[in-house]
Amino acid sequence: MTDDHLVTITLTGVRATGYHGVFDVERREGQEFVVDAELLVRRPGTEDDLATTVDYGGLASSLVADVERDPVDLIETLALRLADSCLADPLVEQATITVHKPHAPIDVPFADVTVAVTRSKP
């Protein structure tokens, strides 16, 4: 019998500038994206050691780096990139990523645009 357990780690409101979108102005000027990440993490035992979990400071830096690199047309594609990056951690079993695009080029008043994706390890 194993004493592994699942823990949910949630990081909300990570902000980064990206150049994602289908319009030239989005690619040229960039805009702020906000990322929420909810990770299902398999923790071995009950050790009180950072090596047995996800370092959310490192996670935040990784999310920012992924938003800031290689522009894509769709925030759906960006959300998948971020989820896959989270799943690269051997302890992460599942990642739900929500990408907010609060300054999307929409011609009517709005509060936010979000896309959420959930990916799991096989």
PDB file of N, CA and C in Angstrom:
ATOM      1  N   MET A   1       0.846  -1.200   0.000  1.00  0.00           N
ATOM      2  CA  MET A   1       0.000   0.000   0.000  1.00  0.00           C
ATOM      3  C   MET A   1       0.880   1.247   0.000  1.00  0.00           C
ATOM      4  N   THR A   2       0.490   2.215  -0.793  1.00  0.00           N
ATOM      5  CA  THR A   2       1.268   3.447  -0.896  1.00  0.00           C
ATOM      6  C   THR A   2       0.577   4.562  -0.110  1.00  0.00           C
ATOM      7  N   ASP A   3       1.362   5.508   0.328  1.00  0.00           N
ATOM      8  CA  ASP A   3       0.761   6.633   1.036  1.00  0.00           C
ATOM      9  C   ASP A   3       0.755   7.885   0.170  1.00  0.00           C
ATOM     10  N   ASP A   4       0.810   7.690  -1.174  1.00  0.00           N
ATOM     11  CA  ASP A   4       0.664   8.823  -2.084  1.00  0.00           C
ATOM     12  C   ASP A   4      -0.714   9.437  -1.915  1.00  0.00           C
ATOM     13  N   HIS A   5      -0.808  10.712  -2.164  1.00  0.00           N
ATOM     14  CA  HIS A   5      -2.103  11.385  -2.123  1.00  0.00           C
ATOM     15  C   HIS A   5      -2.118  12.481  -3.180  1.00  0.00           C
ATOM     16  N   LEU A   6      -3.321  12.906  -3.530  1.00  0.00           N
ATOM     17  CA  LEU A   6      -3.479  13.956  -4.539  1.00  0.00           C
ATOM     18  C   LEU A   6      -3.757  15.283  -3.856  1.00  0.00           C
ATOM     19  N   VAL A   7      -3.113  16.308  -4.359  1.00  0.00           N
ATOM     20  CA  VAL A   7      -3.254  17.665  -3.839  1.00  0.00           C
ATOM     21  C   VAL A   7      -3.577  18.575  -5.012  1.00  0.00           C
ATOM     22  N   THR A   8      -4.469  19.517  -4.804  1.00  0.00           N
ATOM     23  CA  THR A   8      -4.750  20.521  -5.818  1.00  0.00           C
ATOM     24  C   THR A   8      -3.980  21.783  -5.484  1.00  0.00           C
ATOM     25  N   ILE A   9      -3.200  22.240  -6.445  1.00  0.00           N
ATOM     26  CA  ILE A   9      -2.465  23.501  -6.306  1.00  0.00           C
ATOM     27  C   ILE A   9      -3.050  24.463  -7.327  1.00  0.00           C
ATOM     28  N   THR A  10      -3.475  25.630  -6.865  1.00  0.00           N
ATOM     29  CA  THR A  10      -4.082  26.623  -7.743  1.00  0.00           C
ATOM     30  C   THR A  10      -3.278  27.911  -7.683  1.00  0.00           C
ATOM     31  N   LEU A  11      -2.956  28.412  -8.854  1.00  0.00           N
ATOM     32  CA  LEU A  11      -2.239  29.681  -8.991  1.00  0.00           C
ATOM     33  C   LEU A  11      -3.094  30.563  -9.889  1.00  0.00           C
ATOM     34  N   THR A  12      -3.502  31.728  -9.400  1.00  0.00           N
ATOM     35  CA  THR A  12      -4.411  32.577 -10.177  1.00  0.00           C
ATOM     36  C   THR A  12      -3.798  33.951 -10.427  1.00  0.00           C
ATOM     37  N   GLY A  13      -4.149  34.484 -11.588  1.00  0.00           N
ATOM     38  CA  GLY A  13      -3.798  35.870 -11.888  1.00  0.00           C
ATOM     39  C   GLY A  13      -2.366  36.121 -12.307  1.00  0.00           C
ATOM     40  N   VAL A  14      -1.702  35.118 -12.883  1.00  0.00           N
ATOM     41  CA  VAL A  14      -0.333  35.317 -13.368  1.00  0.00           C
ATOM     42  C   VAL A  14      -0.398  36.179 -14.622  1.00  0.00           C
ATOM     43  N   ARG A  15       0.308  37.284 -14.627  1.00  0.00           N
ATOM     44  CA  ARG A  15       0.223  38.254 -15.722  1.00  0.00           C
ATOM     45  C   ARG A  15       1.511  38.262 -16.546  1.00  0.00           C
ATOM     46  N   ALA A  16       1.320  38.338 -17.863  1.00  0.00           N
ATOM     47  CA  ALA A  16       2.464  38.404 -18.777  1.00  0.00           C
ATOM     48  C   ALA A  16       2.014  39.081 -20.068  1.00  0.00           C
ATOM     49  N   THR A  17       2.957  39.687 -20.748  1.00  0.00           N
ATOM     50  CA  THR A  17       2.677  40.292 -22.042  1.00  0.00           C
ATOM     51  C   THR A  17       3.005  39.288 -23.134  1.00  0.00           C
ATOM     52  N   GLY A  18       2.039  39.112 -24.037  1.00  0.00           N
ATOM     53  CA  GLY A  18       2.241  38.223 -25.172  1.00  0.00           C
ATOM     54  C   GLY A  18       1.813  38.899 -26.451  1.00  0.00           C
ATOM     55  N   TYR A  19       2.177  38.297 -27.557  1.00  0.00           N
ATOM     56  CA  TYR A  19       1.889  38.851 -28.886  1.00  0.00           C
ATOM     57  C   TYR A  19       1.008  37.878 -29.675  1.00  0.00           C
ATOM     58  N   HIS A  20       0.018  37.343 -28.997  1.00  0.00           N
ATOM     59  CA  HIS A  20      -0.865  36.337 -29.573  1.00  0.00           C
ATOM     60  C   HIS A  20      -2.120  36.989 -30.135  1.00  0.00           C
ATOM     61  N   GLY A  21      -2.625  36.415 -31.214  1.00  0.00           N
ATOM     62  CA  GLY A  21      -3.858  36.904 -31.811  1.00  0.00           C
ATOM     63  C   GLY A  21      -3.782  36.820 -33.328  1.00  0.00           C
ATOM     64  N   VAL A  22      -4.919  37.018 -33.953  1.00  0.00           N
ATOM     65  CA  VAL A  22      -4.979  36.911 -35.414  1.00  0.00           C
ATOM     66  C   VAL A  22      -4.811  38.260 -36.111  1.00  0.00           C
ATOM     67  N   PHE A  23      -4.901  39.346 -35.360  1.00  0.00           N
ATOM     68  CA  PHE A  23      -4.800  40.670 -35.971  1.00  0.00           C
ATOM     69  C   PHE A  23      -3.374  41.212 -35.888  1.00  0.00           C
ATOM     70  N   ASP A  24      -2.979  41.955 -36.915  1.00  0.00           N
ATOM     71  CA  ASP A  24      -1.629  42.528 -36.969  1.00  0.00           C
ATOM     72  C   ASP A  24      -1.315  43.367 -35.736  1.00  0.00           C
ATOM     73  N   VAL A  25      -2.280  44.150 -35.277  1.00  0.00           N
ATOM     74  CA  VAL A  25      -2.048  45.015 -34.125  1.00  0.00           C
ATOM     75  C   VAL A  25      -1.718  44.188 -32.877  1.00  0.00           C
ATOM     76  N   GLU A  26      -2.328  43.032 -32.727  1.00  0.00           N
ATOM     77  CA  GLU A  26      -2.040  42.170 -31.573  1.00  0.00           C
ATOM     78  C   GLU A  26      -0.609  41.639 -31.641  1.00  0.00           C
ATOM     79  N   ARG A  27      -0.177  41.279 -32.831  1.00  0.00           N
ATOM     80  CA  ARG A  27       1.171  40.752 -33.020  1.00  0.00           C
ATOM     81  C   ARG A  27       2.215  41.853 -32.888  1.00  0.00           C
ATOM     82  N   ARG A  28       1.856  43.050 -33.284  1.00  0.00           N
ATOM     83  CA  ARG A  28       2.804  44.179 -33.274  1.00  0.00           C
ATOM     84  C   ARG A  28       2.926  44.798 -31.877  1.00  0.00           C
ATOM     85  N   GLU A  29       1.788  45.070 -31.240  1.00  0.00           N
ATOM     86  CA  GLU A  29       1.801  45.810 -29.970  1.00  0.00           C
ATOM     87  C   GLU A  29       1.764  44.914 -28.743  1.00  0.00           C
ATOM     88  N   GLY A  30       1.253  43.695 -28.888  1.00  0.00           N
ATOM     89  CA  GLY A  30       1.135  42.807 -27.730  1.00  0.00           C
ATOM     90  C   GLY A  30       0.065  43.280 -26.769  1.00  0.00           C
ATOM     91  N   GLN A  31      -0.199  42.464 -25.778  1.00  0.00           N
ATOM     92  CA  GLN A  31      -1.182  42.801 -24.761  1.00  0.00           C
ATOM     93  C   GLN A  31      -0.993  41.898 -23.551  1.00  0.00           C
ATOM     94  N   GLU A  32      -1.641  42.271 -22.478  1.00  0.00           N
ATOM     95  CA  GLU A  32      -1.557  41.495 -21.253  1.00  0.00           C
ATOM     96  C   GLU A  32      -2.463  40.268 -21.343  1.00  0.00           C
ATOM     97  N   PHE A  33      -1.919  39.139 -20.921  1.00  0.00           N
ATOM     98  CA  PHE A  33      -2.676  37.910 -20.737  1.00  0.00           C
ATOM     99  C   PHE A  33      -2.589  37.547 -19.266  1.00  0.00           C
ATOM    100  N   VAL A  34      -3.651  36.958 -18.748  1.00  0.00           N
ATOM    101  CA  VAL A  34      -3.696  36.536 -17.355  1.00  0.00           C
ATOM    102  C   VAL A  34      -3.976  35.041 -17.351  1.00  0.00           C
ATOM    103  N   VAL A  35      -3.201  34.304 -16.556  1.00  0.00           N
ATOM    104  CA  VAL A  35      -3.306  32.850 -16.552  1.00  0.00           C
ATOM    105  C   VAL A  35      -3.647  32.354 -15.151  1.00  0.00           C
ATOM    106  N   ASP A  36      -4.605  31.437 -15.105  1.00  0.00           N
ATOM    107  CA  ASP A  36      -4.917  30.681 -13.893  1.00  0.00           C
ATOM    108  C   ASP A  36      -4.540  29.232 -14.162  1.00  0.00           C
ATOM    109  N   ALA A  37      -3.899  28.590 -13.202  1.00  0.00           N
ATOM    110  CA  ALA A  37      -3.515  27.185 -13.337  1.00  0.00           C
ATOM    111  C   ALA A  37      -4.010  26.418 -12.118  1.00  0.00           C
ATOM    112  N   GLU A  38      -4.699  25.326 -12.377  1.00  0.00           N
ATOM    113  CA  GLU A  38      -5.101  24.414 -11.307  1.00  0.00           C
ATOM    114  C   GLU A  38      -4.488  23.061 -11.615  1.00  0.00           C
ATOM    115  N   LEU A  39      -3.615  22.607 -10.727  1.00  0.00           N
ATOM    116  CA  LEU A  39      -2.880  21.364 -10.948  1.00  0.00           C
ATOM    117  C   LEU A  39      -3.296  20.311  -9.941  1.00  0.00           C
ATOM    118  N   LEU A  40      -3.476  19.107 -10.428  1.00  0.00           N
ATOM    119  CA  LEU A  40      -3.687  17.952  -9.569  1.00  0.00           C
ATOM    120  C   LEU A  40      -2.332  17.265  -9.457  1.00  0.00           C
ATOM    121  N   VAL A  41      -1.784  17.253  -8.252  1.00  0.00           N
ATOM    122  CA  VAL A  41      -0.406  16.823  -8.017  1.00  0.00           C
ATOM    123  C   VAL A  41      -0.402  15.567  -7.149  1.00  0.00           C
ATOM    124  N   ARG A  42       0.356  14.557  -7.595  1.00  0.00           N
ATOM    125  CA  ARG A  42       0.528  13.348  -6.801  1.00  0.00           C
ATOM    126  C   ARG A  42       1.711  13.569  -5.858  1.00  0.00           C
ATOM    127  N   ARG A  43       1.395  13.591  -4.574  1.00  0.00           N
ATOM    128  CA  ARG A  43       2.414  13.797  -3.540  1.00  0.00           C
ATOM    129  C   ARG A  43       2.796  12.460  -2.941  1.00  0.00           C
ATOM    130  N   PRO A  44       4.066  12.142  -2.977  1.00  0.00           N
ATOM    131  CA  PRO A  44       4.505  10.909  -2.331  1.00  0.00           C
ATOM    132  C   PRO A  44       4.657  11.119  -0.829  1.00  0.00           C
ATOM    133  N   GLY A  45       3.927  10.341  -0.054  1.00  0.00           N
ATOM    134  CA  GLY A  45       4.066  10.416   1.399  1.00  0.00           C
ATOM    135  C   GLY A  45       3.596  11.736   1.971  1.00  0.00           C
ATOM    136  N   THR A  46       4.117  12.046   3.135  1.00  0.00           N
ATOM    137  CA  THR A  46       3.717  13.273   3.834  1.00  0.00           C
ATOM    138  C   THR A  46       4.932  14.141   4.156  1.00  0.00           C
ATOM    139  N   GLU A  47       5.985  13.983   3.366  1.00  0.00           N
ATOM    140  CA  GLU A  47       7.200  14.748   3.618  1.00  0.00           C
ATOM    141  C   GLU A  47       6.932  16.246   3.509  1.00  0.00           C
ATOM    142  N   ASP A  48       7.605  16.986   4.352  1.00  0.00           N
ATOM    143  CA  ASP A  48       7.522  18.444   4.348  1.00  0.00           C
ATOM    144  C   ASP A  48       8.736  18.980   3.599  1.00  0.00           C
ATOM    145  N   ASP A  49       8.740  18.712   2.264  1.00  0.00           N
ATOM    146  CA  ASP A  49       9.919  18.995   1.463  1.00  0.00           C
ATOM    147  C   ASP A  49       9.468  19.500   0.094  1.00  0.00           C
ATOM    148  N   LEU A  50       9.989  20.639  -0.328  1.00  0.00           N
ATOM    149  CA  LEU A  50       9.622  21.231  -1.614  1.00  0.00           C
ATOM    150  C   LEU A  50       9.863  20.270  -2.777  1.00  0.00           C
ATOM    151  N   ALA A  51      10.833  19.385  -2.657  1.00  0.00           N
ATOM    152  CA  ALA A  51      11.136  18.439  -3.732  1.00  0.00           C
ATOM    153  C   ALA A  51      10.005  17.434  -3.970  1.00  0.00           C
ATOM    154  N   THR A  52       9.044  17.349  -3.055  1.00  0.00           N
ATOM    155  CA  THR A  52       7.950  16.379  -3.194  1.00  0.00           C
ATOM    156  C   THR A  52       6.660  17.014  -3.692  1.00  0.00           C
ATOM    157  N   THR A  53       6.761  18.241  -4.212  1.00  0.00           N
ATOM    158  CA  THR A  53       5.567  18.930  -4.694  1.00  0.00           C
ATOM    159  C   THR A  53       5.952  19.874  -5.838  1.00  0.00           C
ATOM    160  N   VAL A  54       5.012  20.668  -6.280  1.00  0.00           N
ATOM    161  CA  VAL A  54       5.275  21.643  -7.333  1.00  0.00           C
ATOM    162  C   VAL A  54       5.642  22.982  -6.682  1.00  0.00           C
ATOM    163  N   ASP A  55       6.755  23.529  -7.097  1.00  0.00           N
ATOM    164  CA  ASP A  55       7.192  24.842  -6.636  1.00  0.00           C
ATOM    165  C   ASP A  55       6.380  25.890  -7.391  1.00  0.00           C
ATOM    166  N   TYR A  56       5.413  26.516  -6.725  1.00  0.00           N
ATOM    167  CA  TYR A  56       4.527  27.431  -7.449  1.00  0.00           C
ATOM    168  C   TYR A  56       5.224  28.706  -7.886  1.00  0.00           C
ATOM    169  N   GLY A  57       6.348  29.052  -7.285  1.00  0.00           N
ATOM    170  CA  GLY A  57       7.152  30.169  -7.793  1.00  0.00           C
ATOM    171  C   GLY A  57       7.765  29.821  -9.137  1.00  0.00           C
ATOM    172  N   GLY A  58       8.294  28.630  -9.231  1.00  0.00           N
ATOM    173  CA  GLY A  58       8.833  28.147 -10.500  1.00  0.00           C
ATOM    174  C   GLY A  58       7.744  27.981 -11.546  1.00  0.00           C
ATOM    175  N   LEU A  59       6.578  27.514 -11.103  1.00  0.00           N
ATOM    176  CA  LEU A  59       5.438  27.365 -12.006  1.00  0.00           C
ATOM    177  C   LEU A  59       5.050  28.720 -12.591  1.00  0.00           C
ATOM    178  N   ALA A  60       4.958  29.743 -11.760  1.00  0.00           N
ATOM    179  CA  ALA A  60       4.596  31.079 -12.230  1.00  0.00           C
ATOM    180  C   ALA A  60       5.603  31.581 -13.263  1.00  0.00           C
ATOM    181  N   SER A  61       6.889  31.400 -12.996  1.00  0.00           N
ATOM    182  CA  SER A  61       7.920  31.833 -13.949  1.00  0.00           C
ATOM    183  C   SER A  61       7.812  31.076 -15.264  1.00  0.00           C
ATOM    184  N   SER A  62       7.517  29.798 -15.200  1.00  0.00           N
ATOM    185  CA  SER A  62       7.367  28.985 -16.405  1.00  0.00           C
ATOM    186  C   SER A  62       6.167  29.434 -17.234  1.00  0.00           C
ATOM    187  N   LEU A  63       5.060  29.735 -16.562  1.00  0.00           N
ATOM    188  CA  LEU A  63       3.866  30.209 -17.272  1.00  0.00           C
ATOM    189  C   LEU A  63       4.151  31.530 -17.984  1.00  0.00           C
ATOM    190  N   VAL A  64       4.821  32.444 -17.308  1.00  0.00           N
ATOM    191  CA  VAL A  64       5.164  33.733 -17.915  1.00  0.00           C
ATOM    192  C   VAL A  64       6.051  33.514 -19.135  1.00  0.00           C
ATOM    193  N   ALA A  65       7.062  32.670 -19.014  1.00  0.00           N
ATOM    194  CA  ALA A  65       7.967  32.406 -20.136  1.00  0.00           C
ATOM    195  C   ALA A  65       7.199  31.818 -21.318  1.00  0.00           C
ATOM    196  N   ASP A  66       6.250  30.939 -21.048  1.00  0.00           N
ATOM    197  CA  ASP A  66       5.465  30.331 -22.131  1.00  0.00           C
ATOM    198  C   ASP A  66       4.533  31.335 -22.799  1.00  0.00           C
ATOM    199  N   VAL A  67       3.990  32.282 -22.051  1.00  0.00           N
ATOM    200  CA  VAL A  67       3.147  33.322 -22.649  1.00  0.00           C
ATOM    201  C   VAL A  67       4.004  34.258 -23.498  1.00  0.00           C
ATOM    202  N   GLU A  68       5.200  34.551 -23.043  1.00  0.00           N
ATOM    203  CA  GLU A  68       6.047  35.536 -23.712  1.00  0.00           C
ATOM    204  C   GLU A  68       6.736  35.003 -24.972  1.00  0.00           C
ATOM    205  N   ARG A  69       6.760  33.686 -25.176  1.00  0.00           N
ATOM    206  CA  ARG A  69       7.469  33.139 -26.345  1.00  0.00           C
ATOM    207  C   ARG A  69       6.526  32.897 -27.516  1.00  0.00           C
ATOM    208  N   ASP A  70       7.069  32.634 -28.670  1.00  0.00           N
ATOM    209  CA  ASP A  70       6.397  32.200 -29.888  1.00  0.00           C
ATOM    210  C   ASP A  70       4.908  32.543 -29.978  1.00  0.00           C
ATOM    211  N   PRO A  71       4.567  33.619 -30.628  1.00  0.00           N
ATOM    212  CA  PRO A  71       3.158  33.990 -30.779  1.00  0.00           C
ATOM    213  C   PRO A  71       2.343  32.920 -31.512  1.00  0.00           C
ATOM    214  N   VAL A  72       1.088  32.788 -31.091  1.00  0.00           N
ATOM    215  CA  VAL A  72       0.123  31.901 -31.743  1.00  0.00           C
ATOM    216  C   VAL A  72      -1.119  32.713 -32.069  1.00  0.00           C
ATOM    217  N   ASP A  73      -1.929  32.201 -32.979  1.00  0.00           N
ATOM    218  CA  ASP A  73      -3.152  32.907 -33.354  1.00  0.00           C
ATOM    219  C   ASP A  73      -4.224  32.832 -32.274  1.00  0.00           C
ATOM    220  N   LEU A  74      -4.406  31.656 -31.699  1.00  0.00           N
ATOM    221  CA  LEU A  74      -5.547  31.412 -30.807  1.00  0.00           C
ATOM    222  C   LEU A  74      -5.123  31.230 -29.358  1.00  0.00           C
ATOM    223  N   ILE A  75      -5.919  31.789 -28.440  1.00  0.00           N
ATOM    224  CA  ILE A  75      -5.599  31.562 -27.028  1.00  0.00           C
ATOM    225  C   ILE A  75      -5.883  30.115 -26.637  1.00  0.00           C
ATOM    226  N   GLU A  76      -6.676  29.404 -27.423  1.00  0.00           N
ATOM    227  CA  GLU A  76      -6.851  27.974 -27.206  1.00  0.00           C
ATOM    228  C   GLU A  76      -5.510  27.253 -27.348  1.00  0.00           C
ATOM    229  N   THR A  77      -4.751  27.626 -28.369  1.00  0.00           N
ATOM    230  CA  THR A  77      -3.433  27.039 -28.594  1.00  0.00           C
ATOM    231  C   THR A  77      -2.487  27.394 -27.456  1.00  0.00           C
ATOM    232  N   LEU A  78      -2.548  28.626 -26.996  1.00  0.00           N
ATOM    233  CA  LEU A  78      -1.729  29.053 -25.868  1.00  0.00           C
ATOM    234  C   LEU A  78      -2.082  28.259 -24.616  1.00  0.00           C
ATOM    235  N   ALA A  79      -3.365  28.069 -24.350  1.00  0.00           N
ATOM    236  CA  ALA A  79      -3.795  27.308 -23.171  1.00  0.00           C
ATOM    237  C   ALA A  79      -3.271  25.875 -23.226  1.00  0.00           C
ATOM    238  N   LEU A  80      -3.305  25.253 -24.400  1.00  0.00           N
ATOM    239  CA  LEU A  80      -2.772  23.894 -24.549  1.00  0.00           C
ATOM    240  C   LEU A  80      -1.269  23.865 -24.300  1.00  0.00           C
ATOM    241  N   ARG A  81      -0.554  24.869 -24.798  1.00  0.00           N
ATOM    242  CA  ARG A  81       0.891  24.962 -24.554  1.00  0.00           C
ATOM    243  C   ARG A  81       1.172  25.019 -23.055  1.00  0.00           C
ATOM    244  N   LEU A  82       0.424  25.846 -22.355  1.00  0.00           N
ATOM    245  CA  LEU A  82       0.634  26.010 -20.920  1.00  0.00           C
ATOM    246  C   LEU A  82       0.309  24.728 -20.159  1.00  0.00           C
ATOM    247  N   ALA A  83      -0.765  24.053 -20.544  1.00  0.00           N
ATOM    248  CA  ALA A  83      -1.129  22.796 -19.888  1.00  0.00           C
ATOM    249  C   ALA A  83      -0.046  21.747 -20.106  1.00  0.00           C
ATOM    250  N   ASP A  84       0.441  21.640 -21.332  1.00  0.00           N
ATOM    251  CA  ASP A  84       1.497  20.664 -21.624  1.00  0.00           C
ATOM    252  C   ASP A  84       2.762  20.975 -20.833  1.00  0.00           C
ATOM    253  N   SER A  85       3.071  22.240 -20.679  1.00  0.00           N
ATOM    254  CA  SER A  85       4.230  22.636 -19.892  1.00  0.00           C
ATOM    255  C   SER A  85       4.074  22.191 -18.439  1.00  0.00           C
ATOM    256  N   CYS A  86       2.884  22.355 -17.895  1.00  0.00           N
ATOM    257  CA  CYS A  86       2.629  21.916 -16.518  1.00  0.00           C
ATOM    258  C   CYS A  86       2.744  20.407 -16.387  1.00  0.00           C
ATOM    259  N   LEU A  87       2.232  19.679 -17.379  1.00  0.00           N
ATOM    260  CA  LEU A  87       2.263  18.215 -17.339  1.00  0.00           C
ATOM    261  C   LEU A  87       3.669  17.654 -17.496  1.00  0.00           C
ATOM    262  N   ALA A  88       4.622  18.478 -17.916  1.00  0.00           N
ATOM    263  CA  ALA A  88       6.003  18.020 -18.015  1.00  0.00           C
ATOM    264  C   ALA A  88       6.589  17.707 -16.642  1.00  0.00           C
ATOM    265  N   ASP A  89       6.019  18.286 -15.599  1.00  0.00           N
ATOM    266  CA  ASP A  89       6.452  17.979 -14.236  1.00  0.00           C
ATOM    267  C   ASP A  89       5.969  16.575 -13.896  1.00  0.00           C
ATOM    268  N   PRO A  90       6.858  15.685 -13.466  1.00  0.00           N
ATOM    269  CA  PRO A  90       6.451  14.300 -13.209  1.00  0.00           C
ATOM    270  C   PRO A  90       5.397  14.141 -12.114  1.00  0.00           C
ATOM    271  N   LEU A  91       5.265  15.104 -11.235  1.00  0.00           N
ATOM    272  CA  LEU A  91       4.278  15.000 -10.160  1.00  0.00           C
ATOM    273  C   LEU A  91       2.885  15.477 -10.576  1.00  0.00           C
ATOM    274  N   VAL A  92       2.780  16.222 -11.667  1.00  0.00           N
ATOM    275  CA  VAL A  92       1.494  16.772 -12.101  1.00  0.00           C
ATOM    276  C   VAL A  92       0.737  15.714 -12.900  1.00  0.00           C
ATOM    277  N   GLU A  93      -0.457  15.372 -12.415  1.00  0.00           N
ATOM    278  CA  GLU A  93      -1.318  14.379 -13.058  1.00  0.00           C
ATOM    279  C   GLU A  93      -2.303  15.035 -14.029  1.00  0.00           C
ATOM    280  N   GLN A  94      -2.737  16.243 -13.684  1.00  0.00           N
ATOM    281  CA  GLN A  94      -3.744  16.937 -14.495  1.00  0.00           C
ATOM    282  C   GLN A  94      -3.536  18.440 -14.343  1.00  0.00           C
ATOM    283  N   ALA A  95      -3.781  19.167 -15.431  1.00  0.00           N
ATOM    284  CA  ALA A  95      -3.659  20.631 -15.397  1.00  0.00           C
ATOM    285  C   ALA A  95      -4.878  21.246 -16.067  1.00  0.00           C
ATOM    286  N   THR A  96      -5.502  22.173 -15.362  1.00  0.00           N
ATOM    287  CA  THR A  96      -6.550  23.001 -15.952  1.00  0.00           C
ATOM    288  C   THR A  96      -6.003  24.407 -16.041  1.00  0.00           C
ATOM    289  N   ILE A  97      -5.966  24.925 -17.261  1.00  0.00           N
ATOM    290  CA  ILE A  97      -5.416  26.255 -17.514  1.00  0.00           C
ATOM    291  C   ILE A  97      -6.527  27.138 -18.045  1.00  0.00           C
ATOM    292  N   THR A  98      -6.654  28.318 -17.472  1.00  0.00           N
ATOM    293  CA  THR A  98      -7.560  29.339 -17.995  1.00  0.00           C
ATOM    294  C   THR A  98      -6.722  30.526 -18.421  1.00  0.00           C
ATOM    295  N   VAL A  99      -6.872  30.905 -19.686  1.00  0.00           N
ATOM    296  CA  VAL A  99      -6.175  32.078 -20.212  1.00  0.00           C
ATOM    297  C   VAL A  99      -7.209  33.186 -20.373  1.00  0.00           C
ATOM    298  N   HIS A 100      -6.932  34.319 -19.745  1.00  0.00           N
ATOM    299  CA  HIS A 100      -7.781  35.511 -19.843  1.00  0.00           C
ATOM    300  C   HIS A 100      -7.145  36.469 -20.849  1.00  0.00           C
ATOM    301  N   LYS A 101      -7.979  37.034 -21.682  1.00  0.00           N
ATOM    302  CA  LYS A 101      -7.520  38.045 -22.650  1.00  0.00           C
ATOM    303  C   LYS A 101      -8.409  39.281 -22.455  1.00  0.00           C
ATOM    304  N   PRO A 102      -8.133  40.040 -21.379  1.00  0.00           N
ATOM    305  CA  PRO A 102      -9.030  41.135 -21.011  1.00  0.00           C
ATOM    306  C   PRO A 102      -9.033  42.320 -21.973  1.00  0.00           C
ATOM    307  N   HIS A 103      -8.051  42.373 -22.862  1.00  0.00           N
ATOM    308  CA  HIS A 103      -7.980  43.494 -23.803  1.00  0.00           C
ATOM    309  C   HIS A 103      -8.165  43.012 -25.240  1.00  0.00           C
ATOM    310  N   ALA A 104      -8.930  41.953 -25.412  1.00  0.00           N
ATOM    311  CA  ALA A 104      -9.186  41.422 -26.749  1.00  0.00           C
ATOM    312  C   ALA A 104      -9.824  42.504 -27.624  1.00  0.00           C
ATOM    313  N   PRO A 105      -9.522  42.481 -28.909  1.00  0.00           N
ATOM    314  CA  PRO A 105     -10.071  43.509 -29.807  1.00  0.00           C
ATOM    315  C   PRO A 105     -11.531  43.212 -30.157  1.00  0.00           C
ATOM    316  N   ILE A 106     -12.411  43.626 -29.258  1.00  0.00           N
ATOM    317  CA  ILE A 106     -13.853  43.437 -29.418  1.00  0.00           C
ATOM    318  C   ILE A 106     -14.494  44.816 -29.436  1.00  0.00           C
ATOM    319  N   ASP A 107     -15.441  45.012 -30.329  1.00  0.00           N
ATOM    320  CA  ASP A 107     -16.018  46.344 -30.543  1.00  0.00           C
ATOM    321  C   ASP A 107     -17.144  46.735 -29.593  1.00  0.00           C
ATOM    322  N   VAL A 108     -17.459  45.903 -28.625  1.00  0.00           N
ATOM    323  CA  VAL A 108     -18.514  46.229 -27.656  1.00  0.00           C
ATOM    324  C   VAL A 108     -17.912  46.135 -26.253  1.00  0.00           C
ATOM    325  N   PRO A 109     -18.523  46.810 -25.279  1.00  0.00           N
ATOM    326  CA  PRO A 109     -18.006  46.711 -23.910  1.00  0.00           C
ATOM    327  C   PRO A 109     -18.056  45.261 -23.410  1.00  0.00           C
ATOM    328  N   PHE A 110     -16.986  44.829 -22.752  1.00  0.00           N
ATOM    329  CA  PHE A 110     -16.932  43.484 -22.174  1.00  0.00           C
ATOM    330  C   PHE A 110     -15.936  43.496 -21.025  1.00  0.00           C
ATOM    331  N   ALA A 111     -16.054  42.515 -20.154  1.00  0.00           N
ATOM    332  CA  ALA A 111     -15.167  42.444 -18.997  1.00  0.00           C
ATOM    333  C   ALA A 111     -13.951  41.569 -19.247  1.00  0.00           C
ATOM    334  N   ASP A 112     -14.125  40.468 -19.965  1.00  0.00           N
ATOM    335  CA  ASP A 112     -13.022  39.521 -20.112  1.00  0.00           C
ATOM    336  C   ASP A 112     -13.388  38.488 -21.166  1.00  0.00           C
ATOM    337  N   VAL A 113     -12.387  37.880 -21.743  1.00  0.00           N
ATOM    338  CA  VAL A 113     -12.536  36.709 -22.590  1.00  0.00           C
ATOM    339  C   VAL A 113     -11.637  35.646 -21.982  1.00  0.00           C
ATOM    340  N   THR A 114     -12.163  34.432 -21.794  1.00  0.00           N
ATOM    341  CA  THR A 114     -11.341  33.356 -21.257  1.00  0.00           C
ATOM    342  C   THR A 114     -11.513  32.101 -22.098  1.00  0.00           C
ATOM    343  N   VAL A 115     -10.459  31.326 -22.102  1.00  0.00           N
ATOM    344  CA  VAL A 115     -10.489  29.975 -22.658  1.00  0.00           C
ATOM    345  C   VAL A 115      -9.865  29.074 -21.597  1.00  0.00           C
ATOM    346  N   ALA A 116     -10.538  27.968 -21.320  1.00  0.00           N
ATOM    347  CA  ALA A 116     -10.025  27.009 -20.350  1.00  0.00           C
ATOM    348  C   ALA A 116      -9.843  25.652 -21.020  1.00  0.00           C
ATOM    349  N   VAL A 117      -8.783  24.971 -20.633  1.00  0.00           N
ATOM    350  CA  VAL A 117      -8.499  23.628 -21.144  1.00  0.00           C
ATOM    351  C   VAL A 117      -8.037  22.766 -19.987  1.00  0.00           C
ATOM    352  N   THR A 118      -8.429  21.511 -20.001  1.00  0.00           N
ATOM    353  CA  THR A 118      -7.963  20.537 -19.019  1.00  0.00           C
ATOM    354  C   THR A 118      -7.280  19.409 -19.764  1.00  0.00           C
ATOM    355  N   ARG A 119      -6.074  19.084 -19.334  1.00  0.00           N
ATOM    356  CA  ARG A 119      -5.333  17.959 -19.905  1.00  0.00           C
ATOM    357  C   ARG A 119      -4.826  17.089 -18.772  1.00  0.00           C
ATOM    358  N   SER A 120      -4.783  15.807 -19.051  1.00  0.00           N
ATOM    359  CA  SER A 120      -4.317  14.835 -18.059  1.00  0.00           C
ATOM    360  C   SER A 120      -3.246  13.949 -18.668  1.00  0.00           C
ATOM    361  N   LYS A 121      -2.427  13.367 -17.802  1.00  0.00           N
ATOM    362  CA  LYS A 121      -1.481  12.362 -18.269  1.00  0.00           C
ATOM    363  C   LYS A 121      -2.249  11.093 -18.582  1.00  0.00           C
ATOM    364  N   PRO A 122      -1.749  10.339 -19.558  1.00  0.00           N
ATOM    365  CA  PRO A 122      -2.437   9.073 -19.909  1.00  0.00           C
ATOM    366  C   PRO A 122      -2.422   8.090 -18.757  1.00  0.00           C
TER     367      PRO A 122
END
